[in-house]
Protein backbone atom coordinates (compact mmCIF):
# COMPACT_ATOMS: atom_id res chain seq x y z
CA MET A 1 149.89 138.27 57.93
CA LYS A 2 153.39 138.68 56.14
CA ASN A 3 153.41 135.83 53.64
CA PRO A 4 152.05 137.28 50.42
CA VAL A 5 151.72 133.78 48.81
CA LEU A 6 149.59 132.73 51.78
CA ARG A 7 147.58 135.81 51.59
CA LEU A 8 146.93 135.23 47.87
CA LEU A 9 145.90 131.71 48.48
CA LEU A 10 143.44 132.63 51.27
CA ALA A 11 141.87 135.23 49.01
CA ILE A 12 141.40 132.53 46.36
CA GLU A 13 139.85 130.30 48.87
CA ARG A 14 137.40 132.80 49.99
CA ALA A 15 136.22 133.54 46.70
CA ALA A 16 135.87 129.83 45.76
CA LEU A 17 133.88 129.29 49.06
CA LYS A 18 131.45 132.10 47.99
CA ARG A 19 130.59 130.19 44.92
CA LYS A 20 130.01 126.79 46.49
CA THR A 21 126.67 125.31 46.30
CA LYS A 22 127.19 122.21 48.30
CA LYS A 23 128.43 121.36 51.78
CA ASP A 24 131.76 119.47 51.90
CA VAL A 25 131.80 117.11 54.97
CA LEU A 26 134.99 115.03 55.63
CA LEU A 27 134.99 111.77 57.54
CA VAL A 28 138.55 110.97 59.03
CA VAL A 29 139.15 107.20 58.69
CA THR A 30 142.04 105.81 60.77
CA ASN A 31 141.47 102.08 60.18
CA GLU A 32 139.20 99.30 59.18
CA ILE A 33 137.01 99.61 62.26
CA MET A 34 136.60 103.34 61.73
CA PHE A 35 135.72 102.79 58.01
CA ALA A 36 132.96 100.25 59.06
CA TYR A 37 131.56 103.07 61.44
CA ALA A 38 132.05 105.85 58.85
CA ARG A 39 130.53 104.09 55.89
CA PRO A 40 126.83 104.29 56.84
CA ILE A 41 127.37 108.04 57.77
CA TYR A 42 128.90 108.57 54.29
CA ASP A 43 126.10 106.51 52.49
CA ASN A 44 123.43 108.47 54.25
CA LEU A 45 125.04 111.96 53.56
CA ALA A 46 125.55 110.95 49.95
CA ARG A 47 121.91 110.69 49.39
CA ASP A 48 121.46 114.58 49.81
CA ARG A 49 122.25 116.64 46.68
CA LYS A 50 123.68 119.48 48.69
CA ILE A 51 126.26 117.52 50.53
CA ARG A 52 129.43 116.10 49.22
CA PRO A 53 130.99 113.59 51.82
CA TRP A 54 134.64 112.66 51.63
CA LEU A 55 136.77 109.96 53.03
CA CYS A 56 140.24 110.68 54.36
CA PHE A 57 142.32 107.49 54.98
CA CYS A 58 144.83 109.32 57.32
CA SER A 59 146.71 106.33 58.62
CA PRO A 60 146.84 103.94 55.74
CA TYR A 61 149.42 101.68 57.45
CA ARG A 62 146.88 100.75 59.90
CA PHE A 63 144.89 98.97 57.14
CA ARG A 64 145.82 95.48 55.73
CA LYS A 65 146.73 96.43 52.15
CA GLN A 66 144.33 94.15 50.46
CA ASN A 67 141.47 95.65 52.38
CA LEU A 68 142.37 99.21 51.66
CA ALA A 69 142.84 98.53 48.00
CA ARG A 70 139.30 97.00 47.83
CA ILE A 71 137.79 99.97 49.70
CA ARG A 72 139.52 102.44 47.36
CA SER A 73 138.42 100.35 44.35
CA LYS A 74 134.88 101.23 45.00
CA LYS A 75 134.38 104.28 42.79
CA ARG A 76 131.18 105.26 44.75
CA PHE A 77 133.45 106.72 47.60
CA ARG A 78 134.93 110.04 47.21
CA THR A 79 138.34 110.23 48.74
CA ILE A 80 141.23 112.68 49.35
CA LEU A 81 144.83 112.47 50.58
CA PHE A 82 145.41 113.42 54.11
CA ALA A 83 148.18 115.88 53.18
CA VAL A 84 145.50 117.78 51.08
CA ALA A 85 142.69 117.43 53.33
CA ARG A 86 144.45 118.96 56.32
CA ARG A 87 144.73 122.24 54.64
CA LEU A 88 141.26 122.77 53.26
CA LYS A 89 138.33 124.63 54.70
CA TRP A 90 135.72 121.88 55.39
CA ASP A 91 132.19 122.77 56.20
CA LEU A 92 132.33 119.91 58.70
CA VAL A 93 134.79 117.14 59.87
CA LEU A 94 133.42 114.13 61.39
CA TYR A 95 135.98 112.12 63.69
CA PRO A 96 135.25 108.42 64.47
CA LEU A 97 138.64 108.73 66.37
CA HIS A 98 140.31 111.64 68.06
CA HIS A 99 142.49 113.26 65.32
CA ARG A 100 143.33 117.07 65.54
CA ARG A 101 145.55 117.73 62.42
CA PHE A 102 142.78 119.69 60.71
CA ARG A 103 142.27 123.43 60.40
CA ALA A 104 140.99 125.14 63.55
CA ASP A 105 138.32 127.15 61.44
CA CYS A 106 136.50 123.91 60.54
CA LYS A 107 133.48 122.90 62.44
CA LYS A 108 134.17 119.49 64.08
CA ILE A 109 132.01 116.68 65.51
CA TYR A 110 133.39 113.58 67.42
CA VAL A 111 131.07 110.89 66.28
CA GLY A 112 133.00 108.19 67.90
CA HIS A 113 133.66 104.62 66.56
CA SER A 114 131.71 102.65 69.13
CA MET A 115 129.72 102.87 72.13
CA MET A 116 131.69 104.30 75.00
CA VAL A 117 133.22 101.39 77.13
CA GLY A 118 134.47 103.46 80.08
CA LYS A 119 137.98 102.24 80.30
CA ALA A 120 140.26 104.78 81.93
CA ALA A 121 143.58 105.82 80.88
CA GLY A 122 145.67 107.72 83.67
CA GLY A 123 142.32 108.10 85.54
CA GLU A 124 140.45 109.74 82.73
CA SER A 125 138.29 108.86 79.72
CA TYR A 126 139.89 108.51 76.36
CA LYS A 127 136.67 109.91 74.77
CA TYR A 128 136.12 112.89 77.14
CA GLY A 129 139.49 113.66 78.79
CA ARG A 130 142.41 115.59 77.59
CA HIS A 131 141.93 114.35 73.83
CA THR A 132 139.03 116.53 73.50
CA ARG A 133 141.19 119.80 73.97
CA ASP A 134 143.80 121.49 71.82
CA GLU A 135 147.28 122.83 72.70
CA ASN A 136 145.43 126.02 74.22
CA ASN A 137 143.18 123.71 76.35
CA ASN A 138 140.21 124.77 74.28
CA LEU A 139 137.51 122.12 73.34
CA VAL A 140 138.26 120.93 69.83
CA TYR A 141 134.59 119.88 68.99
CA ASP A 142 131.33 121.70 68.44
CA LYS A 143 129.61 118.49 69.60
CA ILE A 144 130.39 115.00 70.91
CA PHE A 145 127.81 112.25 69.98
CA ALA A 146 126.92 109.82 72.82
CA ALA A 147 124.99 106.61 72.37
CA GLY A 148 122.82 106.95 75.37
CA ALA A 149 121.73 109.39 77.99
CA HIS A 150 123.41 107.35 80.86
CA GLU A 151 126.70 108.37 79.03
CA LYS A 152 125.67 112.00 78.85
CA GLU A 153 124.88 111.84 82.62
CA MET A 154 128.36 110.44 83.26
CA THR A 155 129.87 113.53 81.52
CA ARG A 156 127.86 115.69 83.63
CA ARG A 157 129.11 114.10 86.76
CA LEU A 158 132.85 113.68 85.65
CA TYR A 159 133.44 116.27 82.92
CA PRO A 160 130.90 119.25 83.57
CA GLU A 161 132.61 121.44 81.24
CA ILE A 162 132.24 118.98 78.32
CA HIS A 163 128.55 118.16 79.11
CA PRO A 164 126.98 120.97 77.22
CA THR A 165 128.72 119.76 73.82
CA VAL A 166 127.34 116.06 74.32
CA ARG A 167 124.35 115.11 72.05
CA VAL A 168 122.54 111.68 72.74
CA VAL A 169 122.18 110.16 69.15
CA GLY A 170 122.20 106.49 69.59
CA SER A 171 124.41 104.14 67.50
CA LEU A 172 124.33 103.42 63.78
CA LEU A 173 126.15 100.09 64.25
CA ALA A 174 123.78 99.18 67.01
CA ASP A 175 120.88 99.75 64.59
CA GLY A 176 122.49 97.80 61.83
CA LEU A 177 122.83 94.96 64.21
CA LEU A 178 119.30 95.00 65.45
CA ALA A 179 118.03 95.15 61.93
CA SER A 180 119.63 91.84 61.10
CA VAL A 181 118.82 89.69 64.13
CA GLY A 182 116.97 87.35 61.70
CA GLU A 183 120.09 86.52 59.63
CA LYS A 184 121.51 84.43 62.26
CA SER A 185 120.91 80.93 60.42
CA LYS A 186 122.35 82.55 57.24
CA ILE A 187 125.44 83.72 58.94
CA LEU A 188 126.03 80.24 60.54
CA ALA A 189 125.63 78.68 57.14
CA GLY A 190 128.09 81.06 55.48
CA LEU A 191 130.64 80.18 58.00
CA GLY A 192 130.11 76.48 57.18
CA PHE A 193 128.90 75.80 60.88
CA ASP A 194 126.69 73.05 62.07
CA VAL A 195 123.42 75.06 62.68
CA ASN A 196 122.24 72.70 65.24
CA ARG A 197 124.96 73.31 67.60
CA LYS A 198 125.30 76.46 69.88
CA THR A 199 127.93 78.99 68.86
CA ILE A 200 130.34 80.61 71.09
CA MET A 201 132.16 83.93 69.98
CA VAL A 202 135.17 85.18 71.69
CA ALA A 203 135.80 89.03 70.98
CA SER A 204 138.98 90.65 72.10
CA THR A 205 140.25 94.04 72.09
CA TRP A 206 144.21 94.71 71.95
CA GLY A 207 146.70 95.88 74.34
CA PRO A 208 148.60 94.20 77.05
CA HIS A 209 145.58 93.60 79.26
CA SER A 210 143.40 92.12 76.60
CA PHE A 211 142.06 88.49 76.52
CA ALA A 212 143.98 88.06 72.96
CA GLN A 213 147.40 89.00 74.50
CA ASN A 214 146.93 87.31 77.98
CA LEU A 215 145.04 84.13 77.15
CA GLY A 216 144.77 84.06 73.42
CA ALA A 217 147.44 81.59 72.73
CA GLU A 218 146.27 79.21 75.39
CA PHE A 219 142.68 79.52 74.22
CA MET A 220 143.96 78.43 70.62
CA GLU A 221 145.74 75.48 72.13
CA GLY A 222 142.77 74.12 73.96
CA VAL A 223 139.94 75.07 71.55
CA GLY A 224 139.63 71.47 70.49
CA CYS A 225 137.68 70.68 73.67
CA LEU A 226 135.28 73.36 73.23
CA LEU A 227 134.78 72.30 69.50
CA LYS A 228 133.47 68.90 70.62
CA THR A 229 130.41 70.90 71.96
CA TYR A 230 130.36 74.25 70.06
CA ASN A 231 130.99 76.18 67.04
CA ILE A 232 133.57 78.79 67.86
CA ILE A 233 134.30 82.34 66.42
CA PHE A 234 137.34 84.19 67.63
CA SER A 235 137.29 87.92 66.59
CA VAL A 236 140.55 89.38 67.32
CA HIS A 237 141.00 93.23 67.10
CA GLN A 238 142.98 94.07 64.06
CA HIS A 239 145.91 95.78 65.97
CA ASN A 240 146.82 92.32 67.37
CA PHE A 241 148.01 91.62 63.89
CA LEU A 242 150.61 94.34 63.92
CA PRO A 243 153.81 93.16 65.28
CA LYS A 244 154.31 96.38 67.31
CA CYS A 245 150.90 95.71 69.15
CA SER A 246 151.49 92.10 69.54
CA PRO A 247 155.32 91.46 70.07
CA LYS A 248 154.65 87.90 71.81
CA ILE A 249 152.00 86.42 69.60
CA ASN A 250 152.10 86.22 65.76
CA TRP A 251 148.30 86.17 65.14
CA SER A 252 148.59 86.35 61.32
CA GLU A 253 150.68 83.00 61.57
CA LEU A 254 148.07 81.59 64.17
CA ALA A 255 145.15 82.33 61.78
CA ARG A 256 146.84 81.01 58.96
CA ARG A 257 147.79 77.60 60.42
CA THR A 258 144.54 76.96 62.23
CA LYS A 259 142.26 74.83 60.12
CA LEU A 260 139.61 73.46 62.15
CA SER A 261 135.83 72.57 61.39
CA ASP A 262 133.32 74.65 62.97
CA PHE A 263 135.95 77.29 63.96
CA HIS A 264 136.49 80.79 62.28
CA ILE A 265 139.07 83.52 63.13
CA SER A 266 137.67 86.84 62.17
CA THR A 267 140.59 89.04 60.78
CA ASN A 268 138.38 91.60 59.60
CA ASN A 269 136.91 93.86 62.05
CA GLU A 270 134.51 95.20 59.53
CA GLU A 271 132.52 92.03 59.94
CA SER A 272 132.85 91.32 63.64
CA ILE A 273 129.85 93.11 64.66
CA SER A 274 127.61 91.19 62.25
CA LEU A 275 129.14 88.06 63.49
CA LEU A 276 127.83 88.86 66.96
CA LEU A 277 124.31 87.71 65.66
CA ALA A 278 125.54 84.10 65.14
CA ALA A 279 126.74 83.92 68.79
CA ASP A 280 124.66 82.16 71.60
CA LEU A 281 127.23 83.36 74.09
CA LEU A 282 129.95 85.84 74.21
CA VAL A 283 133.42 85.64 75.76
CA THR A 284 134.79 88.99 75.94
CA ASP A 285 137.00 91.56 77.54
CA HIS A 286 136.79 95.42 77.56
CA THR A 287 136.10 95.76 73.76
CA SER A 288 133.31 97.76 72.63
CA LEU A 289 131.70 94.69 70.85
CA SER A 290 130.62 93.58 74.43
CA LEU A 291 128.35 96.47 74.64
CA TYR A 292 126.75 95.81 71.21
CA TYR A 293 126.04 92.24 72.28
CA LEU A 294 124.19 93.29 75.42
CA LEU A 295 121.60 94.55 72.94
CA LEU A 296 120.82 90.83 71.88
CA HIS A 297 120.02 89.94 75.66
CA ARG A 298 122.22 86.87 75.55
CA PRO A 299 124.75 85.45 78.13
CA ILE A 300 128.26 86.93 78.45
CA VAL A 301 131.33 85.70 80.06
CA PHE A 302 133.79 88.56 80.90
CA TYR A 303 137.31 88.33 81.25
CA GLU A 304 138.50 90.88 84.06
CA ASN A 305 142.10 91.87 84.06
CA ALA A 306 143.14 93.46 87.48
CA ASN A 307 145.24 96.02 85.61
CA VAL A 308 142.39 97.64 83.61
CA GLU A 309 140.67 100.75 85.40
CA TYR A 310 137.12 101.57 84.62
CA LEU A 311 135.50 104.86 85.33
CA PRO A 312 132.72 104.56 87.88
CA GLY A 313 129.19 104.17 86.47
CA THR A 314 130.26 103.78 82.78
CA SER A 315 128.73 101.30 80.32
CA ILE A 316 131.20 98.35 80.96
CA VAL A 317 130.67 98.56 84.71
CA GLU A 318 127.02 97.92 84.01
CA LEU A 319 127.86 95.13 81.60
CA LYS A 320 129.97 93.43 84.37
CA LYS A 321 127.11 93.37 86.81
CA VAL A 322 125.22 91.05 84.38
CA ALA A 323 128.16 88.98 83.21
CA HIS A 324 129.85 85.82 84.60
CA ILE A 325 133.21 87.19 85.43
CA ILE A 326 136.41 85.08 84.78
CA ARG A 327 140.37 85.82 85.31
CA ASP A 328 141.66 82.77 83.50
CA ILE A 329 140.39 79.91 81.21
CA ASP A 330 141.34 77.09 83.34
CA ASN A 331 137.67 76.08 83.60
CA ILE A 332 136.08 77.65 80.58
CA GLU A 333 133.85 74.84 79.58
CA GLN A 334 132.26 75.09 83.27
CA ASP A 335 132.23 78.89 83.02
CA ILE A 336 130.17 78.89 79.67
CA ARG A 337 127.62 76.42 81.29
CA HIS A 338 127.25 78.49 84.21
CA ALA A 339 126.79 81.61 82.20
CA PHE A 340 124.19 79.77 80.22
CA ASP A 341 122.27 78.26 83.09
CA ASN A 342 122.35 81.71 84.98
CA CYS A 343 121.50 84.06 82.32
CA ASN A 344 119.09 86.82 83.53
CA VAL A 345 117.62 88.23 80.46
CA LYS A 346 115.77 90.88 82.19
CA GLU A 347 118.83 92.42 83.94
CA ILE A 348 120.71 92.02 80.68
CA ALA A 349 117.79 94.06 78.94
CA GLU A 350 118.11 96.70 81.65
CA ALA A 351 121.88 97.04 81.02
CA ALA A 352 121.37 97.25 77.42
CA ALA A 353 118.70 100.22 77.86
CA LYS A 354 121.48 102.17 79.73
CA VAL A 355 124.03 101.57 76.92
CA CYS A 356 122.06 102.73 73.90
CA ASP A 357 119.18 105.10 73.20
CA HIS A 358 117.21 105.83 70.22
CA GLN A 359 117.38 102.19 69.07
CA ASN A 360 116.60 101.90 65.35
CA ARG A 361 116.34 105.65 65.13
CA ALA A 362 119.95 106.62 65.31
CA TRP A 363 120.43 108.15 61.77
CA GLY A 364 117.49 110.52 62.33
CA ARG A 365 119.33 111.85 65.41
CA TYR A 366 122.65 111.95 63.40
CA LYS A 367 121.08 113.87 60.71
CA GLU A 368 119.33 116.38 62.95
CA GLU A 369 122.74 117.20 64.66
CA ILE A 370 124.89 117.25 61.65
CA TYR A 371 122.50 119.45 59.59
CA ASP A 372 122.11 121.78 62.50
CA THR A 373 125.86 122.09 62.65
CA ILE A 374 126.32 122.96 58.91
CA LEU A 375 123.16 125.15 58.90
CA LEU A 376 121.56 123.20 56.05
CA ASN A 377 117.86 122.95 55.66
CA ARG A 378 116.63 119.33 55.56
CA GLN A 379 114.37 120.09 52.61
CA SER A 380 117.48 119.55 50.30
CA GLU A 381 117.19 115.85 50.78
CA THR A 382 116.28 113.70 47.70
């Protein structure tokens, strides 16, 4: 190493690391959805006096300004600028979304930000494909967390070289959802909905093949017909509110001007998973929210776009087997009634069991794998 300044800085760093008494764990947060996933991990790690969790908002432009300001104003969160964080030696970096711009000598775990949907991009999984490798084709992560054994088995068949790094840990968001099932009436009342009517939730991902981009405007125009019978929640992925991701539909303007009784547009993806509890039926596409909804054992209407490719045997394929499939919303009222009348709770429960293991015990599995990675004795917990 020829640079004397760099040699000096590394020597200072080594000396400082020897004096450390706590493990520094960085959670990389790309947008509001990632924050919703990272927050319970941060909160649980913060309870241990030998761990210092940190949040790094590496793409602040992906947040709505008011929401990021609200998060940063909470003094309980320890945050660090990305420009600084990427140069430091962390004991562990936790990735809710693939993001490689951190030092190679840091241990890394891909914790994911959702249960794996199984949508393919160029014939490979986003979660397990080329994104898991660096420029030298080496695996980036020491471990990759999976929600269920079904997902791990899929990696054995499709990505055998990655399979040894996969750890089945369940889902923190799924556990939070299941723990709050009894709050349905409270959520409906908070939305100002008629609690005596059934509630339909539409949950859409983003991108050119999503429900929001293909049928969203049409749905909004005709939503009055559904409101004669149902309460309606429309959860729109936050990227649909970015002009570059939604060039044809101004979702911010749509949300502002839509003022209807018993109708709610969710523009805060941090709340979307809790809103699933209010829904008696879900109309959805390949968003990961659909997999969480499986755990509630309620009817699902699935919008199938012919341009979306799924890896065989993955979770979304299992979901499609138990959902009522649509390709347009020309007969959406009849489709909803059909899904209600033909809901097979047993089959939905079987699909849910494949999607997520360790239900209501996910943090225990997370903790075991994280502590093992940073070589920390769990007796340090308070």
